[in-house]
C-alpha atoms as a PDB file:
ATOM      1  CA  UNK A   1     -90.613 -20.785  -8.894  1.00  0.00           C
ATOM      2  CA  UNK A   2     -90.920 -17.632 -10.829  1.00  0.00           C
ATOM      3  CA  UNK A   3     -88.192 -15.996  -8.704  1.00  0.00           C
ATOM      4  CA  UNK A   4     -85.802 -18.888  -9.336  1.00  0.00           C
ATOM      5  CA  UNK A   5     -86.506 -18.721 -13.052  1.00  0.00           C
ATOM      6  CA  UNK A   6     -85.850 -14.985 -13.087  1.00  0.00           C
ATOM      7  CA  UNK A   7     -82.551 -15.446 -11.184  1.00  0.00           C
ATOM      8  CA  UNK A   8     -81.421 -18.124 -13.663  1.00  0.00           C
ATOM      9  CA  UNK A   9     -82.278 -15.854 -16.559  1.00  0.00           C
ATOM     10  CA  UNK A  10     -80.310 -12.981 -14.910  1.00  0.00           C
ATOM     11  CA  UNK A  11     -77.279 -15.184 -14.500  1.00  0.00           C
ATOM     12  CA  UNK A  12     -77.434 -16.230 -18.108  1.00  0.00           C
ATOM     13  CA  UNK A  13     -77.395 -12.627 -19.221  1.00  0.00           C
ATOM     14  CA  UNK A  14     -74.578 -11.584 -16.860  1.00  0.00           C
ATOM     15  CA  UNK A  15     -71.485 -13.700 -17.739  1.00  0.00           C
ATOM     16  CA  UNK A  16     -69.146 -11.502 -15.677  1.00  0.00           C
ATOM     17  CA  UNK A  17     -71.076 -12.276 -12.519  1.00  0.00           C
ATOM     18  CA  UNK A  18     -70.879 -15.996 -13.278  1.00  0.00           C
ATOM     19  CA  UNK A  19     -67.134 -15.817 -13.785  1.00  0.00           C
ATOM     20  CA  UNK A  20     -66.639 -13.954 -10.506  1.00  0.00           C
ATOM     21  CA  UNK A  21     -68.706 -16.513  -8.613  1.00  0.00           C
ATOM     22  CA  UNK A  22     -66.758 -19.436 -10.050  1.00  0.00           C
ATOM     23  CA  UNK A  23     -63.458 -17.702  -9.190  1.00  0.00           C
ATOM     24  CA  UNK A  24     -64.470 -17.188  -5.569  1.00  0.00           C
ATOM     25  CA  UNK A  25     -65.548 -20.802  -5.195  1.00  0.00           C
ATOM     26  CA  UNK A  26     -62.257 -22.082  -6.650  1.00  0.00           C
ATOM     27  CA  UNK A  27     -60.271 -19.813  -4.332  1.00  0.00           C
ATOM     28  CA  UNK A  28     -62.107 -21.087  -1.263  1.00  0.00           C
ATOM     29  CA  UNK A  29     -61.508 -24.701  -2.312  1.00  0.00           C
ATOM     30  CA  UNK A  30     -57.811 -24.028  -2.822  1.00  0.00           C
ATOM     31  CA  UNK A  31     -57.468 -22.398   0.592  1.00  0.00           C
ATOM     32  CA  UNK A  32     -59.223 -25.304   2.234  1.00  0.00           C
ATOM     33  CA  UNK A  33     -56.915 -27.797   0.512  1.00  0.00           C
ATOM     34  CA  UNK A  34     -53.797 -25.906   1.612  1.00  0.00           C
ATOM     35  CA  UNK A  35     -54.976 -25.706   5.206  1.00  0.00           C
ATOM     36  CA  UNK A  36     -55.652 -29.445   5.355  1.00  0.00           C
ATOM     37  CA  UNK A  37     -52.177 -30.212   3.942  1.00  0.00           C
ATOM     38  CA  UNK A  38     -50.377 -28.325   6.727  1.00  0.00           C
ATOM     39  CA  UNK A  39     -48.858 -30.591   9.498  1.00  0.00           C
ATOM     40  CA  UNK A  40     -50.732 -29.583  12.601  1.00  0.00           C
ATOM     41  CA  UNK A  41     -51.013 -32.718  14.753  1.00  0.00           C
ATOM     42  CA  UNK A  42     -52.934 -31.232  17.581  1.00  0.00           C
ATOM     43  CA  UNK A  43     -55.562 -28.595  18.090  1.00  0.00           C
ATOM     44  CA  UNK A  44     -55.004 -25.275  19.787  1.00  0.00           C
ATOM     45  CA  UNK A  45     -57.527 -26.208  22.428  1.00  0.00           C
ATOM     46  CA  UNK A  46     -55.622 -29.403  23.251  1.00  0.00           C
ATOM     47  CA  UNK A  47     -52.390 -27.438  23.378  1.00  0.00           C
ATOM     48  CA  UNK A  48     -53.952 -24.914  25.752  1.00  0.00           C
ATOM     49  CA  UNK A  49     -55.101 -27.736  28.019  1.00  0.00           C
ATOM     50  CA  UNK A  50     -51.655 -29.336  28.062  1.00  0.00           C
ATOM     51  CA  UNK A  51     -50.048 -26.059  29.022  1.00  0.00           C
ATOM     52  CA  UNK A  52     -52.494 -25.482  31.881  1.00  0.00           C
ATOM     53  CA  UNK A  53     -52.044 -28.968  33.320  1.00  0.00           C
ATOM     54  CA  UNK A  54     -48.283 -29.103  32.699  1.00  0.00           C
ATOM     55  CA  UNK A  55     -48.479 -32.901  32.407  1.00  0.00           C
ATOM     56  CA  UNK A  56     -49.095 -33.541  28.742  1.00  0.00           C
ATOM     57  CA  UNK A  57     -46.186 -33.714  26.350  1.00  0.00           C
ATOM     58  CA  UNK A  58     -46.484 -32.843  22.703  1.00  0.00           C
ATOM     59  CA  UNK A  59     -45.785 -35.299  19.974  1.00  0.00           C
ATOM     60  CA  UNK A  60     -43.438 -34.141  17.256  1.00  0.00           C
ATOM     61  CA  UNK A  61     -44.626 -33.954  13.687  1.00  0.00           C
ATOM     62  CA  UNK A  62     -41.528 -35.477  12.087  1.00  0.00           C
ATOM     63  CA  UNK A  63     -40.697 -39.133  11.594  1.00  0.00           C
ATOM     64  CA  UNK A  64     -37.012 -38.870  12.459  1.00  0.00           C
ATOM     65  CA  UNK A  65     -35.345 -41.199  14.962  1.00  0.00           C
ATOM     66  CA  UNK A  66     -33.621 -38.623  17.176  1.00  0.00           C
ATOM     67  CA  UNK A  67     -32.837 -38.860  20.868  1.00  0.00           C
ATOM     68  CA  UNK A  68     -36.028 -37.119  21.893  1.00  0.00           C
ATOM     69  CA  UNK A  69     -38.011 -40.335  21.086  1.00  0.00           C
ATOM     70  CA  UNK A  70     -40.766 -38.413  19.400  1.00  0.00           C
ATOM     71  CA  UNK A  71     -41.537 -36.128  22.327  1.00  0.00           C
ATOM     72  CA  UNK A  72     -40.765 -32.591  23.315  1.00  0.00           C
ATOM     73  CA  UNK A  73     -40.014 -32.163  26.999  1.00  0.00           C
ATOM     74  CA  UNK A  74     -42.601 -30.661  29.289  1.00  0.00           C
ATOM     75  CA  UNK A  75     -40.251 -28.406  31.163  1.00  0.00           C
ATOM     76  CA  UNK A  76     -41.144 -24.912  32.220  1.00  0.00           C
ATOM     77  CA  UNK A  77     -39.224 -23.365  29.355  1.00  0.00           C
ATOM     78  CA  UNK A  78     -41.172 -25.442  26.842  1.00  0.00           C
ATOM     79  CA  UNK A  79     -44.440 -24.401  28.475  1.00  0.00           C
ATOM     80  CA  UNK A  80     -43.421 -20.784  28.379  1.00  0.00           C
ATOM     81  CA  UNK A  81     -42.581 -21.084  24.706  1.00  0.00           C
ATOM     82  CA  UNK A  82     -45.925 -22.651  23.929  1.00  0.00           C
ATOM     83  CA  UNK A  83     -47.721 -19.986  25.948  1.00  0.00           C
ATOM     84  CA  UNK A  84     -45.922 -17.338  23.945  1.00  0.00           C
ATOM     85  CA  UNK A  85     -47.085 -19.056  20.762  1.00  0.00           C
ATOM     86  CA  UNK A  86     -50.720 -18.930  21.906  1.00  0.00           C
ATOM     87  CA  UNK A  87     -50.422 -15.302  22.933  1.00  0.00           C
ATOM     88  CA  UNK A  88     -49.381 -14.183  19.487  1.00  0.00           C
ATOM     89  CA  UNK A  89     -45.661 -14.912  19.571  1.00  0.00           C
ATOM     90  CA  UNK A  90     -45.775 -17.594  16.918  1.00  0.00           C
ATOM     91  CA  UNK A  91     -43.958 -15.453  14.378  1.00  0.00           C
ATOM     92  CA  UNK A  92     -40.859 -15.289  16.522  1.00  0.00           C
ATOM     93  CA  UNK A  93     -41.018 -19.049  17.148  1.00  0.00           C
ATOM     94  CA  UNK A  94     -41.456 -19.959  13.501  1.00  0.00           C
ATOM     95  CA  UNK A  95     -38.748 -17.677  12.201  1.00  0.00           C
ATOM     96  CA  UNK A  96     -35.389 -19.421  11.844  1.00  0.00           C
ATOM     97  CA  UNK A  97     -32.609 -17.507  13.513  1.00  0.00           C
ATOM     98  CA  UNK A  98     -29.443 -17.269  11.415  1.00  0.00           C
ATOM     99  CA  UNK A  99     -26.347 -18.883  12.779  1.00  0.00           C
ATOM    100  CA  UNK A 100     -23.931 -16.526  14.440  1.00  0.00           C
ATOM    101  CA  UNK A 101     -20.935 -15.764  12.230  1.00  0.00           C
ATOM    102  CA  UNK A 102     -17.710 -15.031  14.043  1.00  0.00           C
ATOM    103  CA  UNK A 103     -15.486 -12.598  12.157  1.00  0.00           C
ATOM    104  CA  UNK A 104     -11.961 -11.782  13.132  1.00  0.00           C
ATOM    105  CA  UNK A 105     -12.177  -8.041  13.365  1.00  0.00           C
ATOM    106  CA  UNK A 106      -9.105  -5.879  12.841  1.00  0.00           C
ATOM    107  CA  UNK A 107      -8.097  -4.123  16.055  1.00  0.00           C
ATOM    108  CA  UNK A 108      -9.153  -0.527  16.255  1.00  0.00           C
ATOM    109  CA  UNK A 109      -6.572   1.921  15.001  1.00  0.00           C
ATOM    110  CA  UNK A 110      -4.740  -0.772  12.988  1.00  0.00           C
ATOM    111  CA  UNK A 111      -4.902  -0.592   9.206  1.00  0.00           C
ATOM    112  CA  UNK A 112      -4.177  -3.237   6.620  1.00  0.00           C
ATOM    113  CA  UNK A 113      -0.849  -1.547   5.858  1.00  0.00           C
ATOM    114  CA  UNK A 114       0.261  -1.966   9.477  1.00  0.00           C
ATOM    115  CA  UNK A 115      -0.650  -5.657   9.455  1.00  0.00           C
ATOM    116  CA  UNK A 116       1.720  -6.405   6.581  1.00  0.00           C
ATOM    117  CA  UNK A 117       5.018  -8.078   7.300  1.00  0.00           C
ATOM    118  CA  UNK A 118       7.754  -5.367   7.333  1.00  0.00           C
ATOM    119  CA  UNK A 119       9.694  -7.194   4.629  1.00  0.00           C
ATOM    120  CA  UNK A 120       6.666  -7.084   2.318  1.00  0.00           C
ATOM    121  CA  UNK A 121       6.168  -3.370   2.918  1.00  0.00           C
ATOM    122  CA  UNK A 122       9.845  -2.673   2.234  1.00  0.00           C
ATOM    123  CA  UNK A 123       9.719  -4.707  -0.958  1.00  0.00           C
ATOM    124  CA  UNK A 124       6.618  -2.863  -2.169  1.00  0.00           C
ATOM    125  CA  UNK A 125       8.135   0.556  -1.450  1.00  0.00           C
ATOM    126  CA  UNK A 126      11.373  -0.405  -3.213  1.00  0.00           C
ATOM    127  CA  UNK A 127       9.576  -0.013  -6.540  1.00  0.00           C
ATOM    128  CA  UNK A 128       9.086   3.703  -5.882  1.00  0.00           C
ATOM    129  CA  UNK A 129      11.629   6.297  -6.890  1.00  0.00           C
ATOM    130  CA  UNK A 130      12.896   9.156  -4.745  1.00  0.00           C
ATOM    131  CA  UNK A 131      10.171  11.746  -5.643  1.00  0.00           C
ATOM    132  CA  UNK A 132       7.357   9.187  -5.321  1.00  0.00           C
ATOM    133  CA  UNK A 133       8.535   8.070  -1.895  1.00  0.00           C
ATOM    134  CA  UNK A 134       8.660  11.689  -0.735  1.00  0.00           C
ATOM    135  CA  UNK A 135       5.132  12.348  -2.048  1.00  0.00           C
ATOM    136  CA  UNK A 136       3.880   9.207  -0.328  1.00  0.00           C
ATOM    137  CA  UNK A 137       5.163  10.482   3.022  1.00  0.00           C
ATOM    138  CA  UNK A 138       3.014  13.620   2.635  1.00  0.00           C
ATOM    139  CA  UNK A 139      -0.337  11.831   2.190  1.00  0.00           C
ATOM    140  CA  UNK A 140      -1.170  10.868   5.790  1.00  0.00           C
ATOM    141  CA  UNK A 141       0.416   9.757   9.042  1.00  0.00           C
ATOM    142  CA  UNK A 142       0.343   6.057   8.175  1.00  0.00           C
ATOM    143  CA  UNK A 143       2.011   6.576   4.796  1.00  0.00           C
ATOM    144  CA  UNK A 144       4.524   8.919   6.430  1.00  0.00           C
ATOM    145  CA  UNK A 145       5.470   6.158   8.851  1.00  0.00           C
ATOM    146  CA  UNK A 146       5.836   3.622   6.048  1.00  0.00           C
ATOM    147  CA  UNK A 147       7.762   6.007   3.775  1.00  0.00           C
ATOM    148  CA  UNK A 148      10.187   6.911   6.570  1.00  0.00           C
ATOM    149  CA  UNK A 149      11.118   3.288   7.184  1.00  0.00           C
ATOM    150  CA  UNK A 150      14.899   2.966   7.283  1.00  0.00           C
ATOM    151  CA  UNK A 151      14.960  -0.290   5.325  1.00  0.00           C
ATOM    152  CA  UNK A 152      13.008   1.279   2.454  1.00  0.00           C
ATOM    153  CA  UNK A 153      15.536   4.104   2.117  1.00  0.00           C
ATOM    154  CA  UNK A 154      18.435   1.671   2.339  1.00  0.00           C
ATOM    155  CA  UNK A 155      16.970  -0.346  -0.531  1.00  0.00           C
ATOM    156  CA  UNK A 156      16.457   2.848  -2.535  1.00  0.00           C
ATOM    157  CA  UNK A 157      20.050   3.915  -1.866  1.00  0.00           C
ATOM    158  CA  UNK A 158      21.399   0.616  -3.167  1.00  0.00           C
ATOM    159  CA  UNK A 159      19.184   0.855  -6.237  1.00  0.00           C
ATOM    160  CA  UNK A 160      20.098   4.458  -7.131  1.00  0.00           C
ATOM    161  CA  UNK A 161      23.738   4.607  -6.068  1.00  0.00           C
ATOM    162  CA  UNK A 162      25.829   1.606  -5.046  1.00  0.00           C
ATOM    163  CA  UNK A 163      25.892  -1.647  -3.101  1.00  0.00           C
ATOM    164  CA  UNK A 164      29.378  -0.948  -1.784  1.00  0.00           C
ATOM    165  CA  UNK A 165      28.162   0.580   1.483  1.00  0.00           C
ATOM    166  CA  UNK A 166      25.840  -2.200   2.611  1.00  0.00           C
ATOM    167  CA  UNK A 167      27.631  -2.494   5.955  1.00  0.00           C
ATOM    168  CA  UNK A 168      27.498   1.237   6.642  1.00  0.00           C
ATOM    169  CA  UNK A 169      25.276   2.388   9.519  1.00  0.00           C
ATOM    170  CA  UNK A 170      24.457   6.068   8.975  1.00  0.00           C
ATOM    171  CA  UNK A 171      24.262   8.130  12.136  1.00  0.00           C
ATOM    172  CA  UNK A 172      21.006   9.838  11.164  1.00  0.00           C
ATOM    173  CA  UNK A 173      19.466   6.930   9.291  1.00  0.00           C
ATOM    174  CA  UNK A 174      19.367   5.922   5.654  1.00  0.00           C
ATOM    175  CA  UNK A 175      16.875   8.607   4.647  1.00  0.00           C
ATOM    176  CA  UNK A 176      19.226  11.416   5.684  1.00  0.00           C
ATOM    177  CA  UNK A 177      22.157   9.561   4.174  1.00  0.00           C
ATOM    178  CA  UNK A 178      20.293   9.178   0.897  1.00  0.00           C
ATOM    179  CA  UNK A 179      19.463  12.897   0.819  1.00  0.00           C
ATOM    180  CA  UNK A 180      23.073  13.858   1.549  1.00  0.00           C
ATOM    181  CA  UNK A 181      24.381  11.488  -1.122  1.00  0.00           C
ATOM    182  CA  UNK A 182      21.973  12.840  -3.712  1.00  0.00           C
ATOM    183  CA  UNK A 183      23.023  16.389  -2.824  1.00  0.00           C
ATOM    184  CA  UNK A 184      26.720  15.522  -3.280  1.00  0.00           C
ATOM    185  CA  UNK A 185      26.046  13.730  -6.583  1.00  0.00           C
ATOM    186  CA  UNK A 186      24.162  16.790  -7.852  1.00  0.00           C
ATOM    187  CA  UNK A 187      26.981  19.114  -6.753  1.00  0.00           C
ATOM    188  CA  UNK A 188      29.505  16.861  -8.453  1.00  0.00           C
ATOM    189  CA  UNK A 189      27.454  17.056 -11.677  1.00  0.00           C
ATOM    190  CA  UNK A 190      27.469  20.859 -11.350  1.00  0.00           C
ATOM    191  CA  UNK A 191      31.282  20.745 -11.418  1.00  0.00           C
ATOM    192  CA  UNK A 192      31.220  19.247 -14.916  1.00  0.00           C
ATOM    193  CA  UNK A 193      28.604  21.743 -16.073  1.00  0.00           C
ATOM    194  CA  UNK A 194      30.973  24.565 -15.048  1.00  0.00           C
ATOM    195  CA  UNK A 195      33.764  22.979 -17.080  1.00  0.00           C
ATOM    196  CA  UNK A 196      31.487  22.657 -20.123  1.00  0.00           C
ATOM    197  CA  UNK A 197      30.502  26.305 -19.829  1.00  0.00           C
ATOM    198  CA  UNK A 198      34.092  27.358 -18.999  1.00  0.00           C
ATOM    199  CA  UNK A 199      32.786  29.778 -16.376  1.00  0.00           C
ATOM    200  CA  UNK A 200      35.620  31.035 -14.168  1.00  0.00           C
ATOM    201  CA  UNK A 201      33.320  32.996 -11.769  1.00  0.00           C
ATOM    202  CA  UNK A 202      31.267  29.847 -11.157  1.00  0.00           C
ATOM    203  CA  UNK A 203      34.438  27.817 -10.597  1.00  0.00           C
ATOM    204  CA  UNK A 204      35.684  30.431  -8.129  1.00  0.00           C
ATOM    205  CA  UNK A 205      32.490  30.094  -6.087  1.00  0.00           C
ATOM    206  CA  UNK A 206      32.622  26.311  -6.318  1.00  0.00           C
ATOM    207  CA  UNK A 207      35.953  25.982  -4.470  1.00  0.00           C
ATOM    208  CA  UNK A 208      36.498  26.698  -0.791  1.00  0.00           C
ATOM    209  CA  UNK A 209      38.629  29.771  -0.276  1.00  0.00           C
ATOM    210  CA  UNK A 210      41.303  28.102   1.862  1.00  0.00           C
ATOM    211  CA  UNK A 211      45.033  27.604   1.630  1.00  0.00           C
ATOM    212  CA  UNK A 212      44.827  23.810   1.942  1.00  0.00           C
ATOM    213  CA  UNK A 213      42.761  23.115  -1.207  1.00  0.00           C
ATOM    214  CA  UNK A 214      44.546  21.010  -3.855  1.00  0.00           C
ATOM    215  CA  UNK A 215      44.087  20.372  -7.577  1.00  0.00           C
ATOM    216  CA  UNK A 216      45.891  17.858  -9.793  1.00  0.00           C
ATOM    217  CA  UNK A 217      44.954  18.078 -13.480  1.00  0.00           C
ATOM    218  CA  UNK A 218      45.148  15.266 -16.012  1.00  0.00           C
ATOM    219  CA  UNK A 219      48.439  16.699 -17.264  1.00  0.00           C
ATOM    220  CA  UNK A 220      49.973  15.853 -13.891  1.00  0.00           C
ATOM    221  CA  UNK A 221      50.430  19.467 -12.782  1.00  0.00           C
ATOM    222  CA  UNK A 222      49.843  20.040  -9.065  1.00  0.00           C
ATOM    223  CA  UNK A 223      48.385  23.255  -7.606  1.00  0.00           C
ATOM    224  CA  UNK A 224      47.962  24.097  -3.924  1.00  0.00           C
ATOM    225  CA  UNK A 225      46.027  26.981  -2.360  1.00  0.00           C
ATOM    226  CA  UNK A 226      42.900  28.744  -3.505  1.00  0.00           C
ATOM    227  CA  UNK A 227      44.539  31.371  -5.761  1.00  0.00           C
ATOM    228  CA  UNK A 228      46.799  28.863  -7.510  1.00  0.00           C
ATOM    229  CA  UNK A 229      43.912  26.470  -8.092  1.00  0.00           C
ATOM    230  CA  UNK A 230      41.598  29.103  -9.590  1.00  0.00           C
ATOM    231  CA  UNK A 231      44.433  30.378 -11.818  1.00  0.00           C
ATOM    232  CA  UNK A 232      45.014  26.843 -13.110  1.00  0.00           C
ATOM    233  CA  UNK A 233      41.377  26.636 -14.145  1.00  0.00           C
ATOM    234  CA  UNK A 234      41.674  29.949 -15.925  1.00  0.00           C
ATOM    235  CA  UNK A 235      44.515  28.508 -18.033  1.00  0.00           C
ATOM    236  CA  UNK A 236      42.432  25.443 -18.826  1.00  0.00           C
ATOM    237  CA  UNK A 237      39.429  27.489 -19.929  1.00  0.00           C
ATOM    238  CA  UNK A 238      41.564  29.738 -22.128  1.00  0.00           C
ATOM    239  CA  UNK A 239      43.380  26.864 -23.782  1.00  0.00           C
ATOM    240  CA  UNK A 240      40.757  24.147 -24.123  1.00  0.00           C
ATOM    241  CA  UNK A 241      37.624  24.193 -26.209  1.00  0.00           C
ATOM    242  CA  UNK A 242      34.300  23.062 -24.852  1.00  0.00           C
ATOM    243  CA  UNK A 243      34.521  19.456 -23.664  1.00  0.00           C
ATOM    244  CA  UNK A 244      31.585  17.095 -23.568  1.00  0.00           C
ATOM    245  CA  UNK A 245      32.125  14.895 -20.526  1.00  0.00           C
ATOM    246  CA  UNK A 246      30.370  11.601 -20.008  1.00  0.00           C
ATOM    247  CA  UNK A 247      30.587  10.651 -16.352  1.00  0.00           C
ATOM    248  CA  UNK A 248      30.067   7.040 -15.296  1.00  0.00           C
ATOM    249  CA  UNK A 249      30.533   4.767 -12.275  1.00  0.00           C
ATOM    250  CA  UNK A 250      29.911   7.540  -9.751  1.00  0.00           C
ATOM    251  CA  UNK A 251      30.547   6.443  -6.149  1.00  0.00           C
ATOM    252  CA  UNK A 252      30.072   8.767  -3.186  1.00  0.00           C
ATOM    253  CA  UNK A 253      30.872   8.478   0.502  1.00  0.00           C
ATOM    254  CA  UNK A 254      29.456  10.991   2.968  1.00  0.00           C
ATOM    255  CA  UNK A 255      30.614  11.813   6.490  1.00  0.00           C
ATOM    256  CA  UNK A 256      29.433  14.583   8.778  1.00  0.00           C
ATOM    257  CA  UNK A 257      31.288  17.435   7.075  1.00  0.00           C
ATOM    258  CA  UNK A 258      33.375  15.623   4.457  1.00  0.00           C
ATOM    259  CA  UNK A 259      32.475  13.777   1.262  1.00  0.00           C
ATOM    260  CA  UNK A 260      34.390  12.315  -1.641  1.00  0.00           C
ATOM    261  CA  UNK A 261      33.258  11.137  -5.064  1.00  0.00           C
ATOM    262  CA  UNK A 262      35.086   8.791  -7.435  1.00  0.00           C
ATOM    263  CA  UNK A 263      34.127   8.350 -11.094  1.00  0.00           C
ATOM    264  CA  UNK A 264      35.277   7.686 -14.619  1.00  0.00           C
ATOM    265  CA  UNK A 265      35.054  10.539 -17.082  1.00  0.00           C
ATOM    266  CA  UNK A 266      35.015  10.037 -20.820  1.00  0.00           C
ATOM    267  CA  UNK A 267      35.642  12.876 -23.297  1.00  0.00           C
ATOM    268  CA  UNK A 268      35.423  13.169 -27.068  1.00  0.00           C
ATOM    269  CA  UNK A 269      39.154  12.643 -27.593  1.00  0.00           C
ATOM    270  CA  UNK A 270      41.300   9.526 -28.053  1.00  0.00           C
ATOM    271  CA  UNK A 271      43.124   9.752 -24.728  1.00  0.00           C
ATOM    272  CA  UNK A 272      40.878   7.199 -23.020  1.00  0.00           C
ATOM    273  CA  UNK A 273      38.877   7.643 -19.818  1.00  0.00           C
ATOM    274  CA  UNK A 274      39.951   9.735 -16.854  1.00  0.00           C
ATOM    275  CA  UNK A 275      39.884   8.529 -13.278  1.00  0.00           C
ATOM    276  CA  UNK A 276      38.689  11.387 -11.124  1.00  0.00           C
ATOM    277  CA  UNK A 277      38.335  12.027  -7.409  1.00  0.00           C
ATOM    278  CA  UNK A 278      36.570  15.069  -5.977  1.00  0.00           C
ATOM    279  CA  UNK A 279      36.613  15.888  -2.263  1.00  0.00           C
ATOM    280  CA  UNK A 280      34.082  18.261  -0.674  1.00  0.00           C
ATOM    281  CA  UNK A 281      33.885  19.959   2.704  1.00  0.00           C
ATOM    282  CA  UNK A 282      30.763  21.302   4.374  1.00  0.00           C
ATOM    283  CA  UNK A 283      31.239  24.918   5.404  1.00  0.00           C
ATOM    284  CA  UNK A 284      28.734  27.690   6.255  1.00  0.00           C
ATOM    285  CA  UNK A 285      25.714  25.613   5.274  1.00  0.00           C
ATOM    286  CA  UNK A 286      26.923  24.350   1.887  1.00  0.00           C
ATOM    287  CA  UNK A 287      29.404  21.991   0.251  1.00  0.00           C
ATOM    288  CA  UNK A 288      32.653  23.310  -1.264  1.00  0.00           C
ATOM    289  CA  UNK A 289      35.263  21.481  -3.310  1.00  0.00           C
ATOM    290  CA  UNK A 290      38.625  21.205  -1.558  1.00  0.00           C
ATOM    291  CA  UNK A 291      40.398  18.629  -3.712  1.00  0.00           C
ATOM    292  CA  UNK A 292      40.323  17.499  -7.359  1.00  0.00           C
ATOM    293  CA  UNK A 293      42.479  14.770  -8.871  1.00  0.00           C
ATOM    294  CA  UNK A 294      42.284  13.692 -12.510  1.00  0.00           C
ATOM    295  CA  UNK A 295      44.489  11.115 -14.216  1.00  0.00           C
ATOM    296  CA  UNK A 296      44.384   9.441 -17.616  1.00  0.00           C
ATOM    297  CA  UNK A 297      43.680   5.714 -17.549  1.00  0.00           C
ATOM    298  CA  UNK A 298      45.333   3.448 -20.067  1.00  0.00           C
ATOM    299  CA  UNK A 299      42.766   1.932 -22.421  1.00  0.00           C
ATOM    300  CA  UNK A 300      44.090  -1.609 -21.867  1.00  0.00           C
ATOM    301  CA  UNK A 301      43.895  -1.222 -18.103  1.00  0.00           C
ATOM    302  CA  UNK A 302      40.365   0.109 -18.424  1.00  0.00           C
ATOM    303  CA  UNK A 303      39.318  -2.966 -20.404  1.00  0.00           C
ATOM    304  CA  UNK A 304      40.824  -5.264 -17.777  1.00  0.00           C
ATOM    305  CA  UNK A 305      38.996  -3.543 -14.888  1.00  0.00           C
ATOM    306  CA  UNK A 306      35.856  -2.691 -16.819  1.00  0.00           C
END
């Protein structure tokens, strides 16, 4: 009696011990309640017996009306599964396996760019200019293949130059044809720069030194042969002041070793525009002028055709 009284007195003077005891008791009660609430319709011992005999089927724990009629078959596979559960394999049985997801994988070696419809690729590349398309071809093999597409260069040619040659089929493809056309257009622009600078040495190097070259100036004078042509330009440079040409409507046609360019040239005088034709010939690795024809267009005619 004295021991019980002393223990009661000790508990009264140790509130932390009382709180710990109450906490443990509550935890044990909670665990017991959770265990009793779990659906476990049969004991492990009964399950072991049913597996050994192979005759007892197991009732299901759900109340659904499925085709199994409330029973799980007693086949060998079911017995093996139950045996695995008893031997510690319950974790694998209880874990829900995710459904298999079938993904359409892209074939190896095929990129998204290659899967695009060719028309879409051509349309996307048509927004690039000449330098950008060349830079794109130097990034990697796939971009080189896309940037070298003939349809892309044809679209770029029509955008930068003219639609007149839509039916043309270049021998070496549209990329080479575009490069040759750009080279001729740049050479043709150099011709007007020489006139602005009135440089006779540059004009002498610009023409092919041949006896069949021809030059017809806007005045109507006709000159044939290299020496006569260069002398005619000397007269022009000595007589005329610097002329500021504005060249428009440039059209070029390129063959293997011949090219011609037509254009309208406007100057800062009241004579109206000039119709010009320049013919070039490819010799010794470069283009030379072999023919120049300039004529004054009547202003009324220009308005009718413009």
